[in-house]
Amino acid sequence: QVQLVESGGGLVQPGGSLKLSCATSGFTFSNYAMSWYRQAPGKERELVARVSSTGGSTNYADSVKGRFTISRDNAKKTMYLQMNSLKPEDTAVYYCNREYGYWGQGTQVTVSS
């Protein structure tokens, strides 16, 4: 079965960096676009970034452009999100998503001094 497992979240000070990973299994990873979403308390889940199946095309929410970088390693069946210059408003649970409704359990990112 499809499994998506996020890791790498934690507590970081404003201006700091974190790198999230999404390890996958149960499907042919290289056939699917993948995305990162996030959900802050009291807010709707929102798209953060998306990467095409080959990694050749990426899209970002305006709020993270220039600070976050999405990537993937098809040989390792893993997707990444490098987050730099983190702000308190980036605090949320971050979710890995595969096309057609598959989600990971989420990893908490807290940006606070």
Protein backbone atom coordinates (compact mmCIF):
# COMPACT_ATOMS: atom_id res chain seq x y z
CA GLN A 1 0.00 0.00 0.00
CA VAL A 2 1.02 3.61 -0.49
CA GLN A 3 3.02 4.98 2.42
CA LEU A 4 4.35 8.50 2.89
CA VAL A 5 6.46 9.21 5.97
CA GLU A 6 7.60 12.75 6.77
CA SER A 7 10.54 13.61 8.98
CA GLY A 8 12.77 16.56 9.80
CA GLY A 9 10.38 18.88 11.57
CA GLY A 10 11.18 20.61 14.83
CA LEU A 11 11.63 23.88 16.65
CA VAL A 12 13.79 26.53 14.99
CA GLN A 13 14.44 30.22 15.60
CA PRO A 14 13.30 32.85 13.10
CA GLY A 15 15.80 33.07 10.27
CA GLY A 16 16.82 29.46 10.71
CA SER A 17 16.61 26.48 8.38
CA LEU A 18 15.11 23.01 8.34
CA LYS A 19 15.02 20.25 5.76
CA LEU A 20 11.99 18.01 5.58
CA SER A 21 12.01 14.57 4.00
CA CYS A 22 9.19 12.39 2.72
CA ALA A 23 10.13 8.74 2.35
CA THR A 24 7.76 6.74 0.20
CA SER A 25 6.89 3.14 -0.57
CA GLY A 26 4.17 1.08 -2.18
CA PHE A 27 4.11 2.76 -5.58
CA THR A 28 6.36 3.73 -8.47
CA PHE A 29 7.63 7.03 -7.10
CA SER A 30 9.03 8.31 -10.38
CA ASN A 31 5.60 8.17 -12.03
CA TYR A 32 3.95 10.79 -9.81
CA ALA A 33 4.11 14.47 -9.08
CA MET A 34 4.54 15.17 -5.38
CA SER A 35 3.69 18.11 -3.17
CA TRP A 36 4.17 19.62 0.25
CA TYR A 37 1.19 21.14 2.04
CA ARG A 38 0.94 22.78 5.43
CA GLN A 39 -1.79 23.52 7.93
CA ALA A 40 -1.50 26.10 10.68
CA PRO A 41 -3.82 26.07 13.71
CA GLY A 42 -7.24 27.40 12.78
CA LYS A 43 -6.39 27.63 9.10
CA GLU A 44 -7.07 25.55 6.03
CA ARG A 45 -4.46 23.27 4.57
CA GLU A 46 -2.52 25.05 1.85
CA LEU A 47 -0.19 24.05 -0.96
CA VAL A 48 3.41 24.98 -0.27
CA ALA A 49 5.26 23.51 -3.23
CA ARG A 50 4.92 20.93 -5.98
CA VAL A 51 7.48 19.00 -8.01
CA SER A 52 6.84 17.12 -11.24
CA SER A 53 7.51 13.41 -11.57
CA THR A 54 10.95 14.00 -13.09
CA GLY A 55 11.84 16.92 -10.83
CA GLY A 56 12.18 19.17 -13.82
CA SER A 57 9.29 21.45 -12.92
CA THR A 58 8.51 23.06 -9.60
CA ASN A 59 5.86 25.46 -8.30
CA TYR A 60 5.72 27.43 -5.06
CA ALA A 61 3.23 29.38 -3.02
CA ASP A 62 4.02 33.09 -3.17
CA SER A 63 4.62 33.11 0.58
CA VAL A 64 7.61 30.75 0.32
CA LYS A 65 9.15 31.68 -3.04
CA GLY A 66 12.85 32.38 -2.73
CA ARG A 67 13.04 30.76 0.72
CA PHE A 68 11.93 27.14 0.20
CA THR A 69 13.21 24.60 -2.32
CA ILE A 70 11.40 21.39 -3.21
CA SER A 71 13.34 18.49 -4.69
CA ARG A 72 13.18 14.75 -5.14
CA ASP A 73 15.48 11.78 -5.49
CA ASN A 74 13.71 9.17 -7.59
CA ALA A 75 16.35 6.55 -6.88
CA LYS A 76 15.72 6.94 -3.14
CA LYS A 77 11.94 7.39 -3.58
CA THR A 78 12.17 10.46 -1.38
CA MET A 79 11.03 14.07 -1.64
CA TYR A 80 12.56 16.99 0.23
CA LEU A 81 11.71 20.52 1.29
CA GLN A 82 14.62 22.78 2.17
CA MET A 83 13.28 25.68 4.20
CA ASN A 84 15.50 28.73 4.75
CA SER A 85 14.89 32.13 6.34
CA LEU A 86 12.04 30.67 8.35
CA LYS A 87 9.43 33.00 9.80
CA PRO A 88 6.97 32.52 12.67
CA GLU A 89 4.16 32.41 10.10
CA ASP A 90 5.72 29.25 8.64
CA THR A 91 4.70 27.43 11.83
CA ALA A 92 2.42 24.55 10.81
CA VAL A 93 2.13 20.83 10.36
CA TYR A 94 3.72 19.98 7.02
CA TYR A 95 2.28 17.14 4.96
CA CYS A 96 3.64 15.13 2.08
CA ASN A 97 1.14 14.53 -0.71
CA ARG A 98 1.02 12.26 -3.71
CA GLU A 99 -1.36 12.78 -6.59
CA TYR A 100 -4.86 11.29 -6.18
CA GLY A 101 -5.31 11.84 -2.49
CA TYR A 102 -2.48 10.19 -0.60
CA TRP A 103 -1.13 11.91 2.51
CA GLY A 104 1.53 11.38 5.13
CA GLN A 105 0.93 11.79 8.85
CA GLY A 106 2.58 15.22 8.96
CA THR A 107 5.56 16.71 10.76
CA GLN A 108 5.38 19.75 13.03
CA VAL A 109 7.47 22.81 12.21
CA THR A 110 7.57 25.53 14.86
CA VAL A 111 9.39 28.81 14.25
CA SER A 112 9.80 30.72 17.47
CA SER A 113 12.39 32.50 19.54
